[in-house]
Protein backbone atom coordinates (compact mmCIF):
# COMPACT_ATOMS: atom_id res chain seq x y z
CA MET A 1 5.68 4.68 -52.18
CA ASN A 2 7.95 8.25 -53.38
CA ILE A 3 7.38 11.24 -51.92
CA LEU A 4 9.07 14.58 -52.84
CA GLY A 5 11.77 12.36 -53.54
CA TYR A 6 11.85 10.32 -50.52
CA GLN A 7 11.74 6.61 -50.70
CA PHE A 8 9.35 4.53 -48.23
CA GLU A 9 9.76 0.59 -48.22
CA PRO A 10 9.55 -0.99 -45.34
CA LYS A 11 10.35 -4.79 -45.17
CA ILE A 12 7.46 -6.77 -44.46
CA TRP A 13 9.49 -8.10 -40.97
CA SER A 14 9.61 -4.51 -39.77
CA ILE A 15 6.56 -3.99 -40.01
CA VAL A 16 5.50 -6.61 -38.35
CA LEU A 17 7.49 -6.16 -35.15
CA THR A 18 6.58 -2.76 -35.10
CA LEU A 19 2.57 -2.81 -35.20
CA ILE A 20 3.51 -5.85 -32.10
CA ALA A 21 5.41 -3.40 -30.23
CA THR A 22 2.77 -0.46 -31.04
CA VAL A 23 -0.50 -2.77 -29.98
CA VAL A 24 1.66 -3.94 -26.57
CA PHE A 25 3.04 -0.86 -25.61
CA SER A 26 -0.63 1.25 -26.25
CA ASN A 27 -2.04 -1.81 -24.20
CA LEU A 28 0.09 -1.17 -21.59
CA GLY A 29 -0.47 2.31 -21.19
CA LEU A 30 -4.49 1.83 -21.42
CA TRP A 31 -3.76 -0.64 -18.72
CA GLN A 32 -2.02 1.91 -16.69
CA LEU A 33 -4.64 4.55 -17.23
CA SER A 34 -7.19 1.69 -15.27
CA ARG A 35 -5.42 1.36 -12.50
CA ALA A 36 -5.24 5.09 -12.32
CA ASP A 37 -8.92 5.03 -12.71
CA GLU A 38 -9.69 2.31 -9.95
CA LYS A 39 -7.23 3.74 -7.26
CA GLU A 40 -9.31 7.55 -8.08
CA THR A 41 -12.27 5.54 -7.75
CA GLN A 42 -11.21 3.95 -3.98
CA HIS A 43 -9.67 6.75 -2.80
CA LYS A 44 -12.74 8.80 -3.58
CA GLN A 45 -14.24 5.68 -1.41
CA LEU A 46 -12.43 6.01 1.39
CA GLU A 47 -12.90 10.05 1.67
CA GLN A 48 -16.57 8.71 2.10
CA PHE A 49 -15.56 5.87 4.91
CA ALA A 50 -14.03 8.90 6.49
CA LYS A 51 -17.02 10.87 6.75
CA GLN A 52 -19.49 8.06 8.01
CA PRO A 53 -19.55 7.62 11.69
CA PRO A 54 -18.25 4.08 13.38
CA VAL A 55 -19.57 0.77 12.49
CA LEU A 56 -19.31 -1.70 15.30
CA LEU A 57 -16.57 -4.86 14.95
CA PRO A 58 -18.51 -7.72 15.97
CA ALA A 59 -17.43 -10.71 18.26
CA THR A 60 -17.79 -12.85 15.24
CA LEU A 61 -14.92 -13.32 12.26
CA VAL A 62 -15.39 -11.25 9.68
CA LYS A 63 -14.06 -10.47 6.10
CA LEU A 64 -11.79 -7.64 5.71
CA GLU A 65 -12.88 -6.04 2.56
CA GLU A 66 -16.08 -5.37 4.33
CA PHE A 67 -14.50 -3.41 7.11
CA GLU A 68 -11.23 -1.46 5.42
CA TYR A 69 -10.41 1.70 5.81
CA ARG A 70 -13.50 2.21 7.40
CA ASP A 71 -13.64 3.73 11.28
CA VAL A 72 -14.58 0.72 13.40
CA GLU A 73 -15.60 0.63 17.41
CA VAL A 74 -14.71 -2.60 19.69
CA ASP A 75 -15.30 -3.06 23.59
CA GLY A 76 -12.47 -5.42 25.28
CA GLU A 77 -9.68 -5.79 27.50
CA PHE A 78 -6.19 -4.98 26.06
CA VAL A 79 -3.58 -7.78 26.43
CA ASN A 80 -0.64 -6.00 27.95
CA GLU A 81 1.45 -9.24 27.92
CA MET A 82 1.75 -9.89 24.60
CA THR A 83 2.10 -6.34 23.70
CA ILE A 84 4.93 -5.95 21.11
CA TYR A 85 7.13 -2.49 19.70
CA LEU A 86 7.62 -2.53 15.58
CA ASP A 87 11.10 -1.16 14.60
CA ASN A 88 11.83 1.59 12.68
CA LYS A 89 8.71 3.99 12.76
CA THR A 90 10.08 7.96 12.81
CA TYR A 91 7.25 10.51 13.58
CA GLN A 92 8.49 14.00 12.75
CA GLY A 93 12.13 12.85 12.22
CA ARG A 94 12.73 11.15 15.78
CA ALA A 95 13.25 7.00 15.74
CA GLY A 96 10.80 5.14 17.37
CA TYR A 97 8.13 2.24 17.23
CA HIS A 98 4.81 1.59 16.81
CA VAL A 99 3.32 -0.23 20.01
CA ILE A 100 0.85 -3.51 19.37
CA THR A 101 -1.22 -4.86 21.74
CA PRO A 102 -4.12 -7.45 20.50
CA LEU A 103 -7.24 -6.94 22.25
CA ARG A 104 -9.79 -9.23 23.70
CA ILE A 105 -13.05 -8.64 21.86
CA ASP A 106 -15.82 -8.65 24.66
CA ASN A 107 -18.14 -11.73 24.96
CA SER A 108 -16.15 -13.36 22.56
CA SER A 109 -13.01 -15.88 22.04
CA LEU A 110 -11.56 -13.21 19.03
CA TYR A 111 -8.97 -10.78 19.47
CA VAL A 112 -7.98 -7.73 17.26
CA ALA A 113 -4.42 -6.51 16.48
CA VAL A 114 -4.29 -2.56 17.66
CA ASN A 115 -1.75 -0.26 16.46
CA ARG A 116 -1.99 1.99 19.24
CA GLY A 117 0.76 4.31 18.47
CA TRP A 118 4.16 5.83 18.22
CA VAL A 119 7.09 5.94 21.45
CA ALA A 120 10.70 7.08 20.66
CA THR A 121 13.11 4.98 21.31
CA GLY A 122 15.28 6.17 24.27
CA TYR A 123 19.46 6.92 24.83
CA ASP A 124 19.96 2.74 25.46
CA ARG A 125 17.66 1.30 22.67
CA SER A 126 18.51 -2.30 24.62
CA ILE A 127 16.01 -0.56 26.98
CA LEU A 128 12.28 -0.34 25.55
CA PRO A 129 10.55 2.98 26.42
CA PRO A 130 7.73 2.73 28.93
CA VAL A 131 4.26 2.23 28.14
CA SER A 132 1.92 2.76 30.29
CA ASN A 133 -0.70 -0.47 30.28
CA THR A 134 -4.38 0.21 30.12
CA GLU A 135 -6.13 -2.12 32.65
CA GLY A 136 -9.77 -3.33 32.20
CA VAL A 137 -12.86 -3.18 29.44
CA VAL A 138 -11.88 -0.32 27.46
CA HIS A 139 -13.86 1.03 24.57
CA ILE A 140 -11.70 1.60 21.43
CA THR A 141 -12.32 3.30 17.97
CA GLY A 142 -9.66 3.48 14.76
CA THR A 143 -9.41 2.85 11.44
CA ALA A 144 -9.61 -0.31 10.41
CA VAL A 145 -6.59 -1.51 7.57
CA SER A 146 -5.14 -4.90 6.13
CA PRO A 147 -2.41 -6.17 8.82
CA ASP A 148 -0.11 -7.71 5.46
CA ILE A 149 1.46 -4.40 3.99
CA LYS A 150 4.66 -4.35 2.72
CA THR A 151 5.98 -1.88 5.45
CA PHE A 152 4.34 -4.52 8.07
CA GLU A 153 6.59 -7.67 6.58
CA LEU A 154 7.36 -10.27 9.11
CA SER A 155 11.24 -10.81 8.92
CA GLY A 156 11.37 -13.45 11.67
CA GLN A 157 14.13 -11.42 13.25
CA GLN A 158 12.70 -10.43 16.76
CA MET A 159 14.98 -8.77 19.68
CA ASP A 160 13.85 -9.97 23.31
CA LYS A 161 10.96 -11.27 21.90
CA GLN A 162 9.08 -8.13 21.76
CA VAL A 163 11.18 -6.08 19.47
CA TRP A 164 9.84 -6.98 15.39
CA ASN A 165 11.37 -5.51 12.66
CA SER A 166 8.09 -5.65 10.66
CA PHE A 167 4.44 -7.51 11.06
CA SER A 168 2.62 -10.05 9.49
CA HIS A 169 -1.30 -11.01 10.88
CA GLU A 170 -0.36 -15.03 10.45
CA ARG A 171 2.89 -15.07 12.33
CA TYR A 172 1.81 -12.83 14.95
CA GLN A 173 -1.61 -15.12 15.96
CA GLN A 174 0.63 -18.10 15.17
CA ALA A 175 3.46 -16.82 17.83
CA LEU A 176 0.51 -15.17 20.19
CA GLY A 177 -1.77 -18.41 19.84
CA ILE A 178 -4.48 -16.70 19.64
CA LYS A 179 -7.64 -16.07 16.88
CA LEU A 180 -7.50 -12.31 15.55
CA GLN A 181 -9.77 -10.72 13.56
CA PRO A 182 -8.24 -10.30 9.80
CA LEU A 183 -7.19 -6.31 10.16
CA LEU A 184 -4.93 -3.92 12.00
CA ILE A 185 -7.01 -0.92 14.31
CA LEU A 186 -5.42 2.33 14.17
CA GLN A 187 -6.62 3.50 17.08
CA LYS A 188 -8.17 7.15 17.31
CA SER A 189 -9.78 7.29 20.76
CA THR A 190 -8.21 9.24 23.22
CA ILE A 191 -6.12 7.17 26.30
CA GLU A 192 -3.62 8.84 28.97
CA ASP A 193 -0.86 6.28 27.73
CA GLY A 194 1.73 8.53 26.85
CA LEU A 195 1.89 7.36 22.76
CA ILE A 196 1.02 9.87 19.78
CA ARG A 197 -1.31 8.63 17.48
CA ASP A 198 -1.11 10.89 14.30
CA TRP A 199 -1.91 8.52 11.14
CA HIS A 200 -1.76 9.80 7.22
CA LYS A 201 -4.31 9.32 5.17
CA PRO A 202 -2.74 7.17 2.19
CA GLU A 203 -3.07 8.55 -0.87
CA SER A 204 -4.98 7.43 -4.40
CA GLY A 205 -1.22 7.11 -5.69
CA SER A 206 -3.11 7.67 -9.15
CA SER A 207 -0.50 9.79 -10.17
CA LYS A 208 2.21 7.14 -10.34
CA ASN A 209 0.08 4.96 -13.14
CA LEU A 210 -0.46 8.47 -15.02
CA GLY A 211 3.10 8.91 -15.63
CA TYR A 212 3.98 5.08 -16.37
CA ALA A 213 0.99 5.69 -18.66
CA VAL A 214 3.28 8.43 -20.27
CA GLN A 215 6.14 6.27 -20.82
CA TRP A 216 4.27 3.74 -22.49
CA PHE A 217 1.96 5.87 -24.73
CA SER A 218 5.48 7.82 -25.59
CA LEU A 219 7.46 4.27 -26.40
CA ALA A 220 4.82 3.66 -29.01
CA ALA A 221 5.14 6.87 -30.60
CA THR A 222 8.98 6.40 -30.49
CA THR A 223 8.82 2.69 -32.25
CA ILE A 224 6.77 4.53 -34.89
CA ILE A 225 9.14 7.61 -35.63
CA ILE A 226 11.78 5.02 -35.06
CA PHE A 227 10.22 2.98 -38.09
CA ILE A 228 9.67 5.69 -39.98
CA VAL A 229 12.97 6.97 -39.81
CA LEU A 230 14.50 3.68 -40.36
CA ASN A 231 12.47 3.29 -43.82
CA VAL A 232 12.83 6.23 -45.54
CA LYS A 233 15.80 7.10 -47.99
CA ARG A 234 16.61 9.23 -50.24
CA ARG A 235 16.38 8.45 -54.05
CA ASN A 236 19.42 10.01 -55.69
CA LYS A 237 19.27 12.26 -58.87
CA GLU A 238 19.87 9.19 -61.50
CA GLU A 239 17.20 7.17 -59.66
CA GLN A 240 14.81 10.13 -59.76
CA GLN A 241 15.69 11.02 -63.57
CA THR A 242 14.57 6.98 -64.49
């Protein structure tokens, strides 16, 4: 193909490679767009859940997907001797712990893990900050979240069996020898225990997927441009006169 003194004669193999790369990059871009759409849909659902009244957490085993991100309420007693301190948690720039205590659900053999809030570390990290124990039956409200997230993944490292670097629902359940509901409650209800309960709502995260989509589509476009540039050659005068 000759156009205005330029010759375009790509090799078959370069056409095939370009088509494959363009299709792959474009499909990856479309996949990232679909992930962004899924996250936006989920985020809107979470905002709807936040406007609804708390639902009762039953005394029977539930499924996480039926309660995740919903506000729940439950009655029971804290098992204070099973409290653990989740390390490396900051609040307004200060180092501290998240205090997690299992709650024995009223009229049930099941327990549910409750993240009761944040407490600052002291000057001596070998001494745990005091936390007031709550005795008797209490009414807890809070947001149900998945207990198995990256920031709570158990590393196996513990200090004095009370300070954990991260958290895993399954290992927590095994360590305590109890049966837990498959969720973690971020406590919202007010109890005079000195803990700070300032939970941040998760963002949708769709902007990251949109950024990845732009990168993949840019790679597809760049592949086409490189293909054209490498296969277009200017004809010399002798070739143009023949």
